[in-house]
Amino acid sequence: MPPGSNRLRSRTLVAGLIVSMAGLAGCATTPPPAPVAVVEPPPPEVPPQPPRPLPLPKPVDLRWAFTTTPDACTALASGAGGALQVVTTANHQIVMTARFTPIKRALPARAKQAKLAFNGPAGRWTMPGAWQNREFSVSRPLDERGLASILGLLGGGTAVITAGAFHLGSAHLPPSSADGNAWVQCPKQIIASR
């Protein structure tokens, strides 16, 4: 036998073995794949519902009453659950206080800033002020502009007190009629006395 034939035979045997093993491996059954665990995503988070705002209190109905003294003119609109008072003084100031709160309503005792907004037949305006001891208050000069605000109130309409997001109360002011027209002469005389 020629010397290279042993090598050739070895290679042929090895190649045959490989082919046989490959054939046997193809016939063998492979185990089924392991089941894949299905991971379901968690349900989406539903954000909590914001708390419902408290219903706004019903505006209180007020009635006007007027008094005058040598040093002050006072217009008071009052009724169950609320009051608005306007005082004009001899030192040419308008001092206004208001509280339109149903008794059962919880309100902050103080707020840095508050405002009284008015809307009526004579127009609409907003007056900044303070909220302390559950009452709106503001002091302004008694001049033609201040008198115009008073005349608007006396003409009737709706007044609302707010402090930021807090609705602190509202009131219906009736027209003041003849009594209010007579009372207005008092602050007009104070303005004229300058």
N, C-alpha and C. Protein backbone atom coordinates (compact mmCIF):
# COMPACT_ATOMS: atom_id res chain seq x y z
N MET A 1 0.84 -1.16 0.00
CA MET A 1 0.00 0.00 0.00
C MET A 1 0.88 1.22 0.00
N PRO A 2 0.55 2.13 -0.83
CA PRO A 2 1.40 3.31 -0.87
C PRO A 2 1.32 4.05 0.47
N PRO A 3 2.41 4.83 0.83
CA PRO A 3 2.46 5.46 2.14
C PRO A 3 1.35 6.48 2.35
N GLY A 4 0.81 7.17 1.41
CA GLY A 4 -0.23 8.19 1.62
C GLY A 4 -1.60 7.58 1.75
N SER A 5 -1.74 6.30 1.47
CA SER A 5 -3.07 5.72 1.50
C SER A 5 -3.60 5.58 2.92
N ASN A 6 -2.73 5.39 3.90
CA ASN A 6 -3.19 5.34 5.30
C ASN A 6 -3.83 6.66 5.72
N ARG A 7 -3.18 7.67 5.29
CA ARG A 7 -3.72 8.99 5.61
C ARG A 7 -5.08 9.18 4.96
N LEU A 8 -5.17 8.81 3.74
CA LEU A 8 -6.40 8.96 3.00
C LEU A 8 -7.50 8.13 3.64
N ARG A 9 -7.15 6.94 4.05
CA ARG A 9 -8.12 6.08 4.67
C ARG A 9 -8.59 6.67 6.00
N SER A 10 -7.67 7.21 6.77
CA SER A 10 -8.03 7.83 8.06
C SER A 10 -8.97 9.00 7.84
N ARG A 11 -8.65 9.76 6.84
CA ARG A 11 -9.50 10.91 6.56
C ARG A 11 -10.87 10.48 6.10
N THR A 12 -10.91 9.44 5.30
CA THR A 12 -12.18 8.95 4.81
C THR A 12 -13.01 8.41 5.96
N LEU A 13 -12.38 7.72 6.88
CA LEU A 13 -13.08 7.18 8.03
C LEU A 13 -13.62 8.31 8.92
N VAL A 14 -12.79 9.31 9.12
CA VAL A 14 -13.21 10.43 9.95
C VAL A 14 -14.38 11.14 9.29
N ALA A 15 -14.28 11.36 7.99
CA ALA A 15 -15.37 12.04 7.28
C ALA A 15 -16.63 11.19 7.35
N GLY A 16 -16.52 9.90 7.23
CA GLY A 16 -17.69 9.02 7.31
C GLY A 16 -18.32 9.07 8.68
N LEU A 17 -17.45 9.08 9.69
CA LEU A 17 -17.95 9.17 11.04
C LEU A 17 -18.73 10.46 11.26
N ILE A 18 -18.18 11.55 10.77
CA ILE A 18 -18.85 12.84 10.93
C ILE A 18 -20.21 12.83 10.23
N VAL A 19 -20.26 12.27 9.02
CA VAL A 19 -21.52 12.21 8.28
C VAL A 19 -22.50 11.32 9.01
N SER A 20 -22.04 10.21 9.56
CA SER A 20 -22.93 9.30 10.28
C SER A 20 -23.50 9.98 11.52
N MET A 21 -22.65 10.67 12.23
CA MET A 21 -23.09 11.33 13.46
C MET A 21 -24.09 12.44 13.13
N ALA A 22 -23.80 13.12 12.03
CA ALA A 22 -24.73 14.18 11.64
C ALA A 22 -26.08 13.58 11.27
N GLY A 23 -26.05 12.44 10.61
CA GLY A 23 -27.31 11.78 10.25
C GLY A 23 -28.05 11.32 11.48
N LEU A 24 -27.33 10.77 12.44
CA LEU A 24 -27.96 10.31 13.66
C LEU A 24 -28.52 11.50 14.47
N ALA A 25 -27.76 12.57 14.45
CA ALA A 25 -28.23 13.74 15.20
C ALA A 25 -29.51 14.28 14.58
N GLY A 26 -29.64 14.21 13.28
CA GLY A 26 -30.85 14.68 12.62
C GLY A 26 -32.03 13.81 12.94
N CYS A 27 -31.81 12.55 13.22
CA CYS A 27 -32.90 11.64 13.54
C CYS A 27 -33.33 11.74 14.99
N ALA A 28 -32.44 12.21 15.82
CA ALA A 28 -32.77 12.30 17.24
C ALA A 28 -33.85 13.36 17.45
N THR A 29 -34.71 13.13 18.43
CA THR A 29 -35.76 14.11 18.73
C THR A 29 -35.20 15.13 19.72
N THR A 30 -35.50 16.35 19.44
CA THR A 30 -35.07 17.41 20.35
C THR A 30 -36.20 17.68 21.32
N PRO A 31 -35.87 17.96 22.56
CA PRO A 31 -36.93 18.22 23.52
C PRO A 31 -37.64 19.53 23.14
N PRO A 32 -38.94 19.60 23.46
CA PRO A 32 -39.68 20.82 23.12
C PRO A 32 -39.11 22.00 23.93
N PRO A 33 -39.20 23.18 23.32
CA PRO A 33 -38.66 24.34 24.05
C PRO A 33 -39.48 24.59 25.32
N ALA A 34 -38.81 25.13 26.31
CA ALA A 34 -39.48 25.45 27.58
C ALA A 34 -40.50 26.56 27.33
N PRO A 35 -41.65 26.45 27.97
CA PRO A 35 -42.65 27.51 27.75
C PRO A 35 -42.11 28.88 28.21
N VAL A 36 -42.43 29.86 27.41
CA VAL A 36 -41.99 31.21 27.73
C VAL A 36 -43.04 31.85 28.64
N ALA A 37 -42.56 32.37 29.74
CA ALA A 37 -43.49 33.02 30.67
C ALA A 37 -43.93 34.36 30.06
N VAL A 38 -45.24 34.55 30.00
CA VAL A 38 -45.77 35.79 29.46
C VAL A 38 -45.96 36.76 30.62
N VAL A 39 -45.27 37.87 30.54
CA VAL A 39 -45.38 38.88 31.58
C VAL A 39 -46.29 39.99 31.06
N GLU A 40 -47.42 40.12 31.72
CA GLU A 40 -48.35 41.18 31.31
C GLU A 40 -47.97 42.47 32.01
N PRO A 41 -48.01 43.56 31.25
CA PRO A 41 -47.66 44.83 31.90
C PRO A 41 -48.73 45.18 32.93
N PRO A 42 -48.31 45.88 33.98
CA PRO A 42 -49.32 46.26 34.99
C PRO A 42 -50.35 47.20 34.36
N PRO A 43 -51.56 47.20 34.89
CA PRO A 43 -52.57 48.10 34.31
C PRO A 43 -52.10 49.56 34.46
N PRO A 44 -52.46 50.38 33.49
CA PRO A 44 -52.01 51.77 33.58
C PRO A 44 -52.58 52.43 34.83
N GLU A 45 -51.76 53.27 35.43
CA GLU A 45 -52.21 53.97 36.63
C GLU A 45 -53.23 55.02 36.25
N VAL A 46 -54.33 54.97 36.93
CA VAL A 46 -55.37 55.98 36.71
C VAL A 46 -55.14 57.08 37.73
N PRO A 47 -54.90 58.29 37.25
CA PRO A 47 -54.65 59.35 38.23
C PRO A 47 -55.90 59.56 39.09
N PRO A 48 -55.68 59.86 40.37
CA PRO A 48 -56.85 60.08 41.23
C PRO A 48 -57.62 61.31 40.76
N GLN A 49 -58.91 61.23 40.92
CA GLN A 49 -59.76 62.35 40.53
C GLN A 49 -59.49 63.52 41.47
N PRO A 50 -59.33 64.72 40.91
CA PRO A 50 -59.14 65.86 41.82
C PRO A 50 -60.40 66.06 42.64
N PRO A 51 -60.22 66.56 43.86
CA PRO A 51 -61.43 66.76 44.67
C PRO A 51 -62.35 67.77 44.01
N ARG A 52 -63.62 67.48 44.09
CA ARG A 52 -64.59 68.41 43.51
C ARG A 52 -64.62 69.69 44.32
N PRO A 53 -64.62 70.81 43.63
CA PRO A 53 -64.69 72.05 44.41
C PRO A 53 -66.04 72.14 45.11
N LEU A 54 -65.99 72.76 46.27
CA LEU A 54 -67.24 72.96 46.99
C LEU A 54 -68.16 73.83 46.16
N PRO A 55 -69.43 73.56 46.17
CA PRO A 55 -70.33 74.44 45.43
C PRO A 55 -70.26 75.85 45.98
N LEU A 56 -70.35 76.80 45.07
CA LEU A 56 -70.29 78.19 45.50
C LEU A 56 -71.51 78.51 46.34
N PRO A 57 -71.30 79.28 47.40
CA PRO A 57 -72.46 79.62 48.22
C PRO A 57 -73.42 80.50 47.44
N LYS A 58 -74.67 80.36 47.75
CA LYS A 58 -75.68 81.20 47.11
C LYS A 58 -75.48 82.64 47.56
N PRO A 59 -75.54 83.60 46.63
CA PRO A 59 -75.39 84.99 47.04
C PRO A 59 -76.46 85.36 48.07
N VAL A 60 -76.03 86.13 49.06
CA VAL A 60 -76.99 86.59 50.07
C VAL A 60 -77.69 87.84 49.55
N ASP A 61 -78.92 88.03 49.97
CA ASP A 61 -79.69 89.22 49.59
C ASP A 61 -79.59 90.24 50.70
N LEU A 62 -79.23 91.46 50.33
CA LEU A 62 -79.03 92.53 51.31
C LEU A 62 -80.03 93.66 51.08
N ARG A 63 -80.22 94.49 52.14
CA ARG A 63 -81.08 95.68 52.06
C ARG A 63 -80.28 96.87 52.58
N TRP A 64 -80.49 98.02 51.99
CA TRP A 64 -79.75 99.23 52.35
C TRP A 64 -80.38 99.96 53.54
N ALA A 65 -79.50 100.57 54.36
CA ALA A 65 -79.90 101.51 55.41
C ALA A 65 -78.82 102.60 55.45
N PHE A 66 -79.20 103.83 55.74
CA PHE A 66 -78.28 104.96 55.66
C PHE A 66 -78.32 105.80 56.92
N THR A 67 -77.15 106.27 57.36
CA THR A 67 -77.06 107.20 58.49
C THR A 67 -76.01 108.26 58.17
N THR A 68 -76.19 109.43 58.74
CA THR A 68 -75.20 110.50 58.58
C THR A 68 -74.96 111.16 59.93
N THR A 69 -73.72 111.59 60.13
CA THR A 69 -73.33 112.39 61.30
C THR A 69 -72.47 113.53 60.75
N PRO A 70 -72.12 114.49 61.57
CA PRO A 70 -71.26 115.56 61.06
C PRO A 70 -69.90 115.06 60.56
N ASP A 71 -69.42 113.92 61.08
CA ASP A 71 -68.09 113.43 60.71
C ASP A 71 -68.09 112.24 59.76
N ALA A 72 -69.22 111.60 59.53
CA ALA A 72 -69.22 110.39 58.70
C ALA A 72 -70.57 110.17 58.04
N CYS A 73 -70.52 109.52 56.89
CA CYS A 73 -71.72 109.10 56.16
C CYS A 73 -71.62 107.59 56.02
N THR A 74 -72.64 106.86 56.49
CA THR A 74 -72.57 105.40 56.49
C THR A 74 -73.73 104.82 55.68
N ALA A 75 -73.36 103.94 54.73
CA ALA A 75 -74.34 103.16 53.97
C ALA A 75 -74.11 101.70 54.33
N LEU A 76 -75.14 101.04 54.82
CA LEU A 76 -75.01 99.65 55.25
C LEU A 76 -76.03 98.80 54.51
N ALA A 77 -75.53 97.83 53.74
CA ALA A 77 -76.39 96.83 53.11
C ALA A 77 -76.23 95.56 53.94
N SER A 78 -77.31 95.07 54.52
CA SER A 78 -77.19 93.90 55.39
C SER A 78 -78.38 92.96 55.18
N GLY A 79 -78.20 91.75 55.64
CA GLY A 79 -79.23 90.73 55.55
C GLY A 79 -78.71 89.47 56.20
N ALA A 80 -79.51 88.40 56.16
CA ALA A 80 -79.10 87.14 56.76
C ALA A 80 -77.86 86.61 56.05
N GLY A 81 -76.79 86.46 56.79
CA GLY A 81 -75.57 85.88 56.22
C GLY A 81 -74.62 86.87 55.59
N GLY A 82 -74.85 88.17 55.66
CA GLY A 82 -73.89 89.07 55.05
C GLY A 82 -74.14 90.53 55.31
N ALA A 83 -73.11 91.33 55.01
CA ALA A 83 -73.22 92.77 55.16
C ALA A 83 -72.12 93.44 54.34
N LEU A 84 -72.43 94.62 53.83
CA LEU A 84 -71.45 95.48 53.17
C LEU A 84 -71.66 96.87 53.73
N GLN A 85 -70.58 97.45 54.25
CA GLN A 85 -70.69 98.79 54.84
C GLN A 85 -69.71 99.73 54.15
N VAL A 86 -70.20 100.90 53.80
CA VAL A 86 -69.38 101.96 53.21
C VAL A 86 -69.48 103.16 54.13
N VAL A 87 -68.32 103.62 54.61
CA VAL A 87 -68.27 104.80 55.48
C VAL A 87 -67.36 105.82 54.82
N THR A 88 -67.88 107.03 54.61
CA THR A 88 -67.04 108.13 54.13
C THR A 88 -66.82 109.05 55.32
N THR A 89 -65.57 109.45 55.52
CA THR A 89 -65.22 110.21 56.71
C THR A 89 -64.81 111.64 56.38
N ALA A 90 -64.80 112.47 57.42
CA ALA A 90 -64.45 113.87 57.26
C ALA A 90 -62.99 114.04 56.83
N ASN A 91 -62.14 113.04 57.05
CA ASN A 91 -60.76 113.13 56.59
C ASN A 91 -60.60 112.60 55.17
N HIS A 92 -61.70 112.63 54.42
CA HIS A 92 -61.73 112.30 52.99
C HIS A 92 -61.25 110.87 52.68
N GLN A 93 -61.78 109.93 53.44
CA GLN A 93 -61.49 108.51 53.22
C GLN A 93 -62.80 107.75 53.04
N ILE A 94 -62.71 106.68 52.24
CA ILE A 94 -63.80 105.71 52.13
C ILE A 94 -63.29 104.44 52.79
N VAL A 95 -64.01 103.94 53.77
CA VAL A 95 -63.66 102.68 54.41
C VAL A 95 -64.79 101.71 54.09
N MET A 96 -64.42 100.61 53.42
CA MET A 96 -65.43 99.62 53.04
C MET A 96 -65.10 98.29 53.70
N THR A 97 -66.10 97.65 54.28
CA THR A 97 -65.95 96.30 54.83
C THR A 97 -67.08 95.44 54.26
N ALA A 98 -66.81 94.15 54.08
CA ALA A 98 -67.83 93.26 53.52
C ALA A 98 -67.61 91.85 54.01
N ARG A 99 -68.72 91.18 54.24
CA ARG A 99 -68.71 89.76 54.61
C ARG A 99 -69.99 89.17 54.07
N PHE A 100 -69.85 88.26 53.10
CA PHE A 100 -71.03 87.64 52.48
C PHE A 100 -70.96 86.14 52.65
N THR A 101 -70.85 85.66 53.82
CA THR A 101 -70.56 84.26 54.03
C THR A 101 -71.69 83.54 54.74
N PRO A 102 -72.25 82.50 54.11
CA PRO A 102 -73.18 81.67 54.87
C PRO A 102 -72.46 81.11 56.08
N ILE A 103 -73.14 80.99 57.19
CA ILE A 103 -72.49 80.68 58.46
C ILE A 103 -71.77 79.33 58.45
N LYS A 104 -72.27 78.32 57.73
CA LYS A 104 -71.68 76.99 57.77
C LYS A 104 -70.46 76.84 56.87
N ARG A 105 -70.12 77.82 56.09
CA ARG A 105 -69.00 77.70 55.13
C ARG A 105 -67.66 77.91 55.83
N ALA A 106 -66.72 76.98 55.63
CA ALA A 106 -65.38 77.11 56.21
C ALA A 106 -64.54 78.01 55.32
N LEU A 107 -63.95 79.04 55.89
CA LEU A 107 -63.15 79.99 55.13
C LEU A 107 -61.84 80.25 55.83
N PRO A 108 -60.82 80.66 55.07
CA PRO A 108 -59.57 81.02 55.73
C PRO A 108 -59.76 82.26 56.59
N ALA A 109 -59.05 82.32 57.70
CA ALA A 109 -59.18 83.48 58.59
C ALA A 109 -58.46 84.70 58.02
N ARG A 110 -57.36 84.47 57.28
CA ARG A 110 -56.63 85.59 56.69
C ARG A 110 -56.10 85.21 55.32
N ALA A 111 -55.90 86.22 54.53
CA ALA A 111 -55.27 86.06 53.21
C ALA A 111 -54.52 87.35 52.94
N LYS A 112 -53.37 87.22 52.27
CA LYS A 112 -52.58 88.42 52.01
C LYS A 112 -53.32 89.40 51.12
N GLN A 113 -53.94 88.88 50.09
CA GLN A 113 -54.65 89.77 49.16
C GLN A 113 -56.04 89.23 48.91
N ALA A 114 -56.96 90.13 48.79
CA ALA A 114 -58.34 89.78 48.45
C ALA A 114 -58.86 90.87 47.54
N LYS A 115 -60.00 90.60 46.93
CA LYS A 115 -60.59 91.65 46.10
C LYS A 115 -62.11 91.54 46.15
N LEU A 116 -62.72 92.66 45.96
CA LEU A 116 -64.16 92.73 45.86
C LEU A 116 -64.46 93.13 44.41
N ALA A 117 -65.18 92.27 43.71
CA ALA A 117 -65.56 92.56 42.32
C ALA A 117 -67.04 92.90 42.30
N PHE A 118 -67.39 93.95 41.59
CA PHE A 118 -68.77 94.39 41.51
C PHE A 118 -69.20 94.42 40.05
N ASN A 119 -70.46 94.01 39.82
CA ASN A 119 -71.03 94.04 38.48
C ASN A 119 -72.49 94.46 38.60
N GLY A 120 -72.82 95.58 37.96
CA GLY A 120 -74.19 96.07 38.04
C GLY A 120 -74.52 96.95 36.85
N PRO A 121 -75.71 97.53 36.81
CA PRO A 121 -76.11 98.38 35.68
C PRO A 121 -75.18 99.58 35.48
N ALA A 122 -74.56 100.06 36.56
CA ALA A 122 -73.66 101.22 36.44
C ALA A 122 -72.27 100.84 35.94
N GLY A 123 -72.00 99.53 35.81
CA GLY A 123 -70.68 99.09 35.32
C GLY A 123 -70.10 98.00 36.19
N ARG A 124 -68.86 97.70 35.90
CA ARG A 124 -68.17 96.68 36.70
C ARG A 124 -66.80 97.21 37.08
N TRP A 125 -66.36 96.85 38.27
CA TRP A 125 -65.04 97.24 38.75
C TRP A 125 -64.57 96.23 39.79
N THR A 126 -63.27 96.27 40.04
CA THR A 126 -62.65 95.41 41.05
C THR A 126 -61.85 96.28 41.99
N MET A 127 -61.97 96.01 43.28
CA MET A 127 -61.26 96.79 44.29
C MET A 127 -60.39 95.85 45.12
N PRO A 128 -59.05 96.02 45.08
CA PRO A 128 -58.19 95.17 45.92
C PRO A 128 -58.28 95.59 47.37
N GLY A 129 -58.11 94.63 48.26
CA GLY A 129 -58.16 94.91 49.68
C GLY A 129 -57.53 93.78 50.47
N ALA A 130 -57.92 93.64 51.72
CA ALA A 130 -57.37 92.61 52.60
C ALA A 130 -58.50 91.73 53.14
N TRP A 131 -58.15 90.50 53.49
CA TRP A 131 -59.09 89.57 54.12
C TRP A 131 -58.54 89.24 55.50
N GLN A 132 -59.17 89.75 56.53
CA GLN A 132 -58.76 89.48 57.90
C GLN A 132 -59.99 89.27 58.76
N ASN A 133 -59.86 88.33 59.71
CA ASN A 133 -60.98 88.02 60.60
C ASN A 133 -62.26 87.73 59.83
N ARG A 134 -62.08 87.02 58.71
CA ARG A 134 -63.19 86.60 57.84
C ARG A 134 -64.00 87.78 57.31
N GLU A 135 -63.29 88.87 57.01
CA GLU A 135 -63.96 90.06 56.50
C GLU A 135 -63.04 90.76 55.49
N PHE A 136 -63.63 91.23 54.40
CA PHE A 136 -62.91 92.04 53.42
C PHE A 136 -62.90 93.48 53.89
N SER A 137 -61.76 94.16 53.75
CA SER A 137 -61.72 95.58 54.10
C SER A 137 -60.76 96.31 53.16
N VAL A 138 -61.10 97.57 52.92
CA VAL A 138 -60.26 98.42 52.08
C VAL A 138 -60.52 99.87 52.48
N SER A 139 -59.48 100.68 52.35
CA SER A 139 -59.60 102.11 52.59
C SER A 139 -59.08 102.82 51.35
N ARG A 140 -59.85 103.79 50.85
CA ARG A 140 -59.48 104.54 49.64
C ARG A 140 -59.76 106.01 49.85
N PRO A 141 -59.12 106.84 49.03
CA PRO A 141 -59.42 108.28 49.14
C PRO A 141 -60.86 108.56 48.70
N LEU A 142 -61.48 109.49 49.38
CA LEU A 142 -62.81 109.94 48.96
C LEU A 142 -62.60 111.05 47.93
N ASP A 143 -62.76 110.68 46.67
CA ASP A 143 -62.65 111.62 45.56
C ASP A 143 -63.72 111.25 44.54
N GLU A 144 -63.66 111.86 43.36
CA GLU A 144 -64.70 111.60 42.36
C GLU A 144 -64.72 110.13 41.94
N ARG A 145 -63.54 109.53 41.82
CA ARG A 145 -63.49 108.11 41.42
C ARG A 145 -64.08 107.23 42.52
N GLY A 146 -63.72 107.50 43.77
CA GLY A 146 -64.29 106.74 44.88
C GLY A 146 -65.79 106.91 44.98
N LEU A 147 -66.26 108.15 44.74
CA LEU A 147 -67.70 108.40 44.77
C LEU A 147 -68.42 107.63 43.66
N ALA A 148 -67.78 107.51 42.49
CA ALA A 148 -68.38 106.74 41.39
C ALA A 148 -68.54 105.27 41.78
N SER A 149 -67.57 104.71 42.52
CA SER A 149 -67.68 103.32 43.00
C SER A 149 -68.87 103.18 43.94
N ILE A 150 -69.04 104.16 44.83
CA ILE A 150 -70.17 104.12 45.77
C ILE A 150 -71.49 104.20 45.01
N LEU A 151 -71.56 105.10 44.04
CA LEU A 151 -72.80 105.23 43.25
C LEU A 151 -73.13 103.92 42.52
N GLY A 152 -72.08 103.22 42.04
CA GLY A 152 -72.31 101.92 41.40
C GLY A 152 -72.95 100.93 42.35
N LEU A 153 -72.42 100.86 43.57
CA LEU A 153 -73.00 99.97 44.58
C LEU A 153 -74.45 100.32 44.86
N LEU A 154 -74.73 101.62 45.00
CA LEU A 154 -76.09 102.06 45.31
C LEU A 154 -77.06 101.80 44.16
N GLY A 155 -76.53 101.66 42.94
CA GLY A 155 -77.38 101.36 41.79
C GLY A 155 -77.82 99.90 41.72
N GLY A 156 -77.24 99.05 42.60
CA GLY A 156 -77.60 97.63 42.63
C GLY A 156 -76.69 96.79 41.76
N GLY A 157 -76.62 95.51 42.09
CA GLY A 157 -75.79 94.58 41.32
C GLY A 157 -75.32 93.44 42.20
N THR A 158 -74.25 92.80 41.77
CA THR A 158 -73.71 91.66 42.51
C THR A 158 -72.28 91.97 42.92
N ALA A 159 -71.95 91.70 44.17
CA ALA A 159 -70.59 91.88 44.69
C ALA A 159 -70.06 90.51 45.09
N VAL A 160 -68.81 90.24 44.73
CA VAL A 160 -68.18 88.94 45.01
C VAL A 160 -66.82 89.20 45.66
N ILE A 161 -66.53 88.49 46.74
CA ILE A 161 -65.23 88.58 47.41
C ILE A 161 -64.44 87.32 47.09
N THR A 162 -63.19 87.51 46.64
CA THR A 162 -62.30 86.38 46.38
C THR A 162 -60.92 86.68 46.96
N ALA A 163 -60.19 85.61 47.26
CA ALA A 163 -58.79 85.70 47.67
C ALA A 163 -58.08 84.55 46.98
N GLY A 164 -57.35 84.86 45.91
CA GLY A 164 -56.73 83.79 45.12
C GLY A 164 -57.80 82.88 44.57
N ALA A 165 -57.68 81.57 44.83
CA ALA A 165 -58.66 80.61 44.33
C ALA A 165 -59.89 80.49 45.23
N PHE A 166 -59.86 81.12 46.39
CA PHE A 166 -60.99 81.02 47.32
C PHE A 166 -62.10 81.99 46.94
N HIS A 167 -63.30 81.44 46.84
CA HIS A 167 -64.49 82.27 46.67
C HIS A 167 -65.01 82.49 48.09
N LEU A 168 -64.97 83.74 48.54
CA LEU A 168 -65.27 84.02 49.94
C LEU A 168 -66.68 84.52 50.19
N GLY A 169 -67.48 84.57 49.16
CA GLY A 169 -68.87 84.97 49.34
C GLY A 169 -69.31 85.96 48.30
N SER A 170 -70.62 86.06 48.14
CA SER A 170 -71.19 87.01 47.19
C SER A 170 -72.53 87.49 47.70
N ALA A 171 -72.96 88.64 47.15
CA ALA A 171 -74.21 89.25 47.62
C ALA A 171 -74.90 89.96 46.48
N HIS A 172 -76.23 89.96 46.54
CA HIS A 172 -77.06 90.78 45.65
C HIS A 172 -77.35 92.08 46.39
N LEU A 173 -76.98 93.20 45.76
CA LEU A 173 -77.29 94.51 46.33
C LEU A 173 -78.45 95.10 45.56
N PRO A 174 -79.53 95.49 46.23
CA PRO A 174 -80.66 96.07 45.51
C PRO A 174 -80.37 97.54 45.19
N PRO A 175 -81.05 98.12 44.21
CA PRO A 175 -80.93 99.57 44.02
C PRO A 175 -81.39 100.27 45.30
N SER A 176 -80.72 101.37 45.65
CA SER A 176 -80.97 102.01 46.94
C SER A 176 -82.16 102.97 46.95
N SER A 177 -82.72 103.30 45.82
CA SER A 177 -83.89 104.18 45.70
C SER A 177 -83.66 105.57 46.28
N ALA A 178 -84.73 106.23 46.71
CA ALA A 178 -84.68 107.64 47.13
C ALA A 178 -83.79 107.83 48.36
N ASP A 179 -83.80 106.89 49.30
CA ASP A 179 -82.97 107.04 50.50
C ASP A 179 -81.49 107.12 50.13
N GLY A 180 -81.07 106.27 49.19
CA GLY A 180 -79.67 106.30 48.76
C GLY A 180 -79.33 107.58 48.03
N ASN A 181 -80.27 108.07 47.20
CA ASN A 181 -80.02 109.33 46.50
C ASN A 181 -79.86 110.49 47.47
N ALA A 182 -80.65 110.50 48.54
CA ALA A 182 -80.52 111.56 49.55
C ALA A 182 -79.21 111.41 50.32
N TRP A 183 -78.81 110.19 50.64
CA TRP A 183 -77.58 109.94 51.40
C TRP A 183 -76.34 110.37 50.64
N VAL A 184 -76.32 110.21 49.33
CA VAL A 184 -75.15 110.55 48.51
C VAL A 184 -74.76 112.01 48.69
N GLN A 185 -75.68 112.85 49.06
CA GLN A 185 -75.35 114.27 49.27
C GLN A 185 -74.32 114.43 50.39
N CYS A 186 -74.32 113.52 51.35
CA CYS A 186 -73.38 113.60 52.47
C CYS A 186 -71.93 113.43 51.99
N PRO A 187 -71.55 112.34 51.27
CA PRO A 187 -70.17 112.29 50.78
C PRO A 187 -69.84 113.38 49.77
N LYS A 188 -70.83 113.81 49.01
CA LYS A 188 -70.57 114.90 48.06
C LYS A 188 -70.19 116.19 48.81
N GLN A 189 -70.85 116.45 49.93
CA GLN A 189 -70.52 117.63 50.73
C GLN A 189 -69.11 117.52 51.32
N ILE A 190 -68.70 116.30 51.72
CA ILE A 190 -67.34 116.11 52.24
C ILE A 190 -66.32 116.42 51.14
N ILE A 191 -66.58 115.92 49.92
CA ILE A 191 -65.66 116.20 48.81
C ILE A 191 -65.60 117.70 48.54
N ALA A 192 -66.74 118.36 48.58
CA ALA A 192 -66.79 119.81 48.27
C ALA A 192 -66.11 120.64 49.36
N SER A 193 -65.94 120.07 50.57
CA SER A 193 -65.36 120.84 51.66
C SER A 193 -63.84 120.97 51.58
N ARG A 194 -63.22 120.40 50.62
CA ARG A 194 -61.75 120.49 50.49
C ARG A 194 -61.31 121.89 50.18
